[in-house]
Amino acid sequence: MVKRIVVLVLLALVAMPQFVRAEEVKPIQLAVFNPIQLVPEGDSIKGGRLSVFYTVNKDVSGLSLVWLGVNRATGDVNGVEIGLGNWVEGSAYGGQLGIVNHAGKRFVGLQYGMVNVAEGDLSGLQWGLVNWTEGFMHGIQAGVVNVSKGQSIGLDLGVVNYSQDSFKGLQTGFVNYAGEMHGVQLGIVNYTKSLDGLQIGLGNYNGNKKPMEFMVLVNWSF
């Protein structure tokens, strides 16, 4: 029994510095590229990050600015990220402005860039060439190609709009697709497996065939 207690105490003493280390929060990060950075990557930042090429931290709150590279957070971000690339493995709340923006979980706010990806839910605006949401989309996607894999409520504005699950709102583009459409599709080609609303375009396909499976110019089902 005594040996077990001694072992447990030793294990706790070994783990304690690592635990304290993981919980450290610093007000500022200065970096050239990881690991050449003021604050180690396992620590969090609450304040600001300024780097030249590449910086990594756990949770980040505040402003992250990288001149010629990528901002990365292995946890969550609450604030604004500006760089060529902004990569968050957790959830992000605020804004990402870059060529490529990524949130590994939920994103709330604005993603503005050439490629915007939210692997979880999106609440807000994706504005870029390619916008991609894996989870529930509640907001606006504006770009050349807009893709939402989960349920969607809001506005798709693009050349190609693809909503794999149900879409509630307005899709407007050259090609619009929705698994289920509750609202309006406005484009050259409109396609849905189930329509509860209105389609306006040169070709309109309604998979539930009520009242018509295919119509030119206008199709509807209520």
Protein backbone atom coordinates (compact mmCIF):
# COMPACT_ATOMS: atom_id res chain seq x y z
CA MET A 1 0.00 0.00 0.00
CA VAL A 2 2.82 2.39 0.92
CA LYS A 3 4.63 1.57 -2.34
CA ARG A 4 1.48 2.40 -4.33
CA ILE A 5 1.15 5.75 -2.59
CA VAL A 6 4.81 6.55 -3.24
CA VAL A 7 4.42 5.66 -6.92
CA LEU A 8 1.29 7.79 -7.26
CA VAL A 9 3.01 10.76 -5.59
CA LEU A 10 6.02 10.45 -7.90
CA LEU A 11 3.78 10.26 -10.96
CA ALA A 12 1.90 13.36 -9.80
CA LEU A 13 5.14 15.26 -9.25
CA VAL A 14 6.35 14.35 -12.75
CA ALA A 15 3.06 15.30 -14.38
CA MET A 16 2.57 18.55 -12.47
CA PRO A 17 5.08 20.69 -14.41
CA GLN A 18 3.63 19.50 -17.70
CA PHE A 19 0.10 20.29 -16.53
CA VAL A 20 1.06 23.78 -15.39
CA ARG A 21 2.97 24.29 -18.63
CA ALA A 22 -0.05 23.35 -20.74
CA GLU A 23 -2.19 25.92 -18.94
CA GLU A 24 0.15 28.90 -19.38
CA VAL A 25 -1.32 31.93 -21.15
CA LYS A 26 0.90 34.70 -22.50
CA PRO A 27 -0.15 38.18 -23.67
CA ILE A 28 1.99 38.36 -26.80
CA GLN A 29 3.72 36.14 -29.33
CA LEU A 30 6.60 37.19 -31.59
CA ALA A 31 7.89 34.69 -34.13
CA VAL A 32 9.92 34.17 -37.26
CA PHE A 33 8.83 30.57 -37.80
CA ASN A 34 8.12 27.80 -35.32
CA PRO A 35 10.10 26.88 -33.21
CA ILE A 36 11.83 30.25 -33.43
CA GLN A 37 9.12 32.04 -31.47
CA LEU A 38 8.93 33.83 -28.14
CA VAL A 39 6.21 31.63 -26.64
CA PRO A 40 6.32 27.80 -27.05
CA GLU A 41 3.67 26.23 -29.25
CA GLY A 42 2.01 24.40 -26.33
CA ASP A 43 1.08 27.69 -24.62
CA SER A 44 -1.91 29.89 -25.33
CA ILE A 45 -2.00 33.56 -26.30
CA LYS A 46 -4.45 36.16 -25.07
CA GLY A 47 -3.56 39.44 -26.70
CA GLY A 48 -1.66 39.43 -29.99
CA ARG A 49 0.55 37.35 -32.27
CA LEU A 50 2.96 38.83 -34.77
CA SER A 51 5.06 36.57 -37.00
CA VAL A 52 6.95 36.61 -40.27
CA PHE A 53 6.41 33.11 -41.70
CA TYR A 54 4.76 30.61 -39.34
CA THR A 55 3.61 30.49 -35.73
CA VAL A 56 1.83 27.84 -33.65
CA ASN A 57 0.02 28.07 -30.33
CA LYS A 58 -2.79 26.28 -28.54
CA ASP A 59 -5.73 28.65 -27.85
CA VAL A 60 -5.54 32.19 -29.20
CA SER A 61 -7.60 35.26 -28.28
CA GLY A 62 -7.00 38.60 -29.96
CA LEU A 63 -5.21 39.53 -33.18
CA SER A 64 -2.95 37.18 -35.15
CA LEU A 65 -0.93 38.72 -37.97
CA VAL A 66 1.59 36.86 -40.15
CA TRP A 67 3.31 38.72 -42.98
CA LEU A 68 4.32 35.93 -45.36
CA GLY A 69 2.93 32.70 -44.03
CA VAL A 70 0.49 30.85 -41.80
CA ASN A 71 -1.20 31.41 -38.45
CA ARG A 72 -1.92 28.09 -36.76
CA ALA A 73 -3.80 27.20 -33.58
CA THR A 74 -4.06 23.64 -32.29
CA GLY A 75 -6.98 24.64 -30.06
CA ASP A 76 -9.61 27.38 -30.44
CA VAL A 77 -9.37 30.95 -31.71
CA ASN A 78 -11.40 33.94 -30.59
CA GLY A 79 -10.44 37.01 -32.56
CA VAL A 80 -9.07 38.00 -35.98
CA GLU A 81 -6.46 36.18 -38.03
CA ILE A 82 -4.73 37.81 -41.01
CA GLY A 83 -2.19 35.96 -43.16
CA LEU A 84 -1.65 33.97 -46.32
CA GLY A 85 -3.07 31.00 -44.44
CA ASN A 86 -5.09 30.75 -41.22
CA TRP A 87 -5.41 27.24 -39.80
CA VAL A 88 -7.43 26.44 -36.69
CA GLU A 89 -7.79 22.84 -35.57
CA GLY A 90 -10.56 23.62 -33.09
CA SER A 91 -13.36 26.19 -33.29
CA ALA A 92 -12.94 29.78 -34.45
CA TYR A 93 -14.97 32.85 -33.49
CA GLY A 94 -14.31 36.15 -35.24
CA GLY A 95 -12.59 36.61 -38.58
CA GLN A 96 -10.13 34.85 -40.85
CA LEU A 97 -8.66 36.85 -43.74
CA GLY A 98 -6.22 35.02 -46.00
CA ILE A 99 -5.75 32.99 -49.14
CA VAL A 100 -6.71 29.77 -47.33
CA ASN A 101 -8.82 29.79 -44.16
CA HIS A 102 -9.65 26.67 -42.17
CA ALA A 103 -11.58 25.80 -39.01
CA GLY A 104 -11.46 22.20 -37.85
CA LYS A 105 -14.69 22.48 -35.89
CA ARG A 106 -17.28 25.25 -35.62
CA PHE A 107 -16.78 28.65 -37.24
CA VAL A 108 -18.70 31.78 -36.26
CA GLY A 109 -18.00 35.05 -38.07
CA LEU A 110 -16.33 35.91 -41.40
CA GLN A 111 -14.03 33.80 -43.56
CA TYR A 112 -12.65 35.86 -46.45
CA GLY A 113 -10.19 34.34 -48.90
CA MET A 114 -9.72 32.19 -51.98
CA VAL A 115 -10.55 28.95 -50.13
CA ASN A 116 -12.65 28.88 -46.96
CA VAL A 117 -13.29 25.65 -45.07
CA ALA A 118 -15.35 24.91 -41.96
CA GLU A 119 -15.23 21.23 -41.06
CA GLY A 120 -17.98 21.71 -38.48
CA ASP A 121 -20.93 24.12 -38.36
CA LEU A 122 -20.84 27.59 -39.88
CA SER A 123 -22.70 30.64 -38.56
CA GLY A 124 -21.84 33.73 -40.54
CA LEU A 125 -20.31 34.48 -43.94
CA GLN A 126 -17.90 32.63 -46.21
CA TRP A 127 -16.70 34.86 -49.04
CA GLY A 128 -14.20 33.52 -51.57
CA LEU A 129 -13.64 31.45 -54.69
CA VAL A 130 -14.40 28.15 -52.94
CA ASN A 131 -16.49 27.93 -49.77
CA TRP A 132 -16.90 24.59 -48.03
CA THR A 133 -18.89 23.66 -44.91
CA GLU A 134 -19.13 20.11 -43.59
CA GLY A 135 -21.73 20.67 -40.87
CA PHE A 136 -24.80 22.85 -40.42
CA MET A 137 -24.61 26.10 -42.41
CA HIS A 138 -26.52 29.08 -41.07
CA GLY A 139 -25.63 32.20 -43.00
CA ILE A 140 -24.21 33.14 -46.41
CA GLN A 141 -21.82 31.52 -48.85
CA ALA A 142 -20.68 33.86 -51.62
CA GLY A 143 -18.18 32.57 -54.18
CA VAL A 144 -17.58 30.71 -57.41
CA VAL A 145 -18.24 27.31 -55.81
CA ASN A 146 -20.27 26.95 -52.61
CA VAL A 147 -20.58 23.55 -50.92
CA SER A 148 -22.48 22.64 -47.77
CA LYS A 149 -22.62 19.01 -46.71
CA GLY A 150 -25.10 19.36 -43.84
CA GLN A 151 -28.39 21.20 -43.46
CA SER A 152 -28.35 24.81 -44.63
CA ILE A 153 -30.37 27.92 -43.86
CA GLY A 154 -29.61 31.19 -45.59
CA LEU A 155 -28.19 32.31 -48.94
CA ASP A 156 -25.97 30.68 -51.57
CA LEU A 157 -24.61 33.18 -54.08
CA GLY A 158 -22.24 31.72 -56.66
CA VAL A 159 -21.64 30.07 -60.01
CA VAL A 160 -22.17 26.56 -58.63
CA ASN A 161 -24.11 26.00 -55.40
CA TYR A 162 -24.22 22.51 -53.94
CA SER A 163 -26.15 21.63 -50.78
CA GLN A 164 -25.95 17.91 -50.11
CA ASP A 165 -28.66 17.86 -47.42
CA SER A 166 -31.63 20.21 -47.15
CA PHE A 167 -31.44 23.90 -48.01
CA LYS A 168 -33.85 26.52 -46.66
CA GLY A 169 -33.60 29.93 -48.24
CA LEU A 170 -32.28 31.17 -51.61
CA GLN A 171 -29.80 29.62 -54.01
CA THR A 172 -28.81 31.81 -56.92
CA GLY A 173 -26.19 30.83 -59.52
CA PHE A 174 -25.68 29.13 -62.87
CA VAL A 175 -26.12 25.65 -61.33
CA ASN A 176 -28.00 25.05 -58.09
CA TYR A 177 -28.35 21.70 -56.34
CA ALA A 178 -30.05 20.78 -53.08
CA GLY A 179 -30.95 17.41 -51.62
CA GLU A 180 -34.15 19.02 -50.39
CA MET A 181 -35.10 22.56 -51.33
CA HIS A 182 -37.30 24.71 -49.11
CA GLY A 183 -37.33 28.10 -50.77
CA VAL A 184 -36.16 29.44 -54.14
CA GLN A 185 -33.60 28.27 -56.68
CA LEU A 186 -32.72 30.91 -59.27
CA GLY A 187 -30.27 29.91 -62.02
CA ILE A 188 -29.66 28.34 -65.41
CA VAL A 189 -30.03 24.77 -64.10
CA ASN A 190 -31.86 24.00 -60.86
CA TYR A 191 -31.97 20.50 -59.39
CA THR A 192 -33.45 19.10 -56.21
CA LYS A 193 -34.63 15.68 -55.09
CA SER A 194 -37.54 17.26 -53.22
CA LEU A 195 -39.02 20.72 -53.76
CA ASP A 196 -41.04 22.85 -51.38
CA GLY A 197 -40.86 26.18 -53.12
CA LEU A 198 -39.99 27.68 -56.49
CA GLN A 199 -37.44 27.08 -59.23
CA ILE A 200 -36.71 29.69 -61.91
CA GLY A 201 -34.31 28.84 -64.75
CA LEU A 202 -33.86 27.30 -68.19
CA GLY A 203 -34.00 23.79 -66.73
CA ASN A 204 -35.74 22.92 -63.46
CA TYR A 205 -35.76 19.38 -62.07
CA ASN A 206 -37.93 18.40 -59.11
CA GLY A 207 -37.32 14.84 -57.93
CA ASN A 208 -40.56 14.45 -56.03
CA LYS A 209 -42.40 14.97 -59.35
CA LYS A 210 -45.15 17.09 -57.80
CA PRO A 211 -46.66 18.68 -59.77
CA MET A 212 -44.04 18.22 -62.50
CA GLU A 213 -40.66 16.44 -62.54
CA PHE A 214 -39.10 18.77 -65.11
CA MET A 215 -40.14 22.16 -66.43
CA VAL A 216 -38.56 24.92 -68.50
CA LEU A 217 -38.43 28.44 -67.04
CA VAL A 218 -40.47 27.77 -63.90
CA ASN A 219 -41.22 24.82 -61.61
CA TRP A 220 -42.92 24.82 -58.23
CA SER A 221 -44.25 22.60 -55.47
CA PHE A 222 -45.97 23.70 -52.29
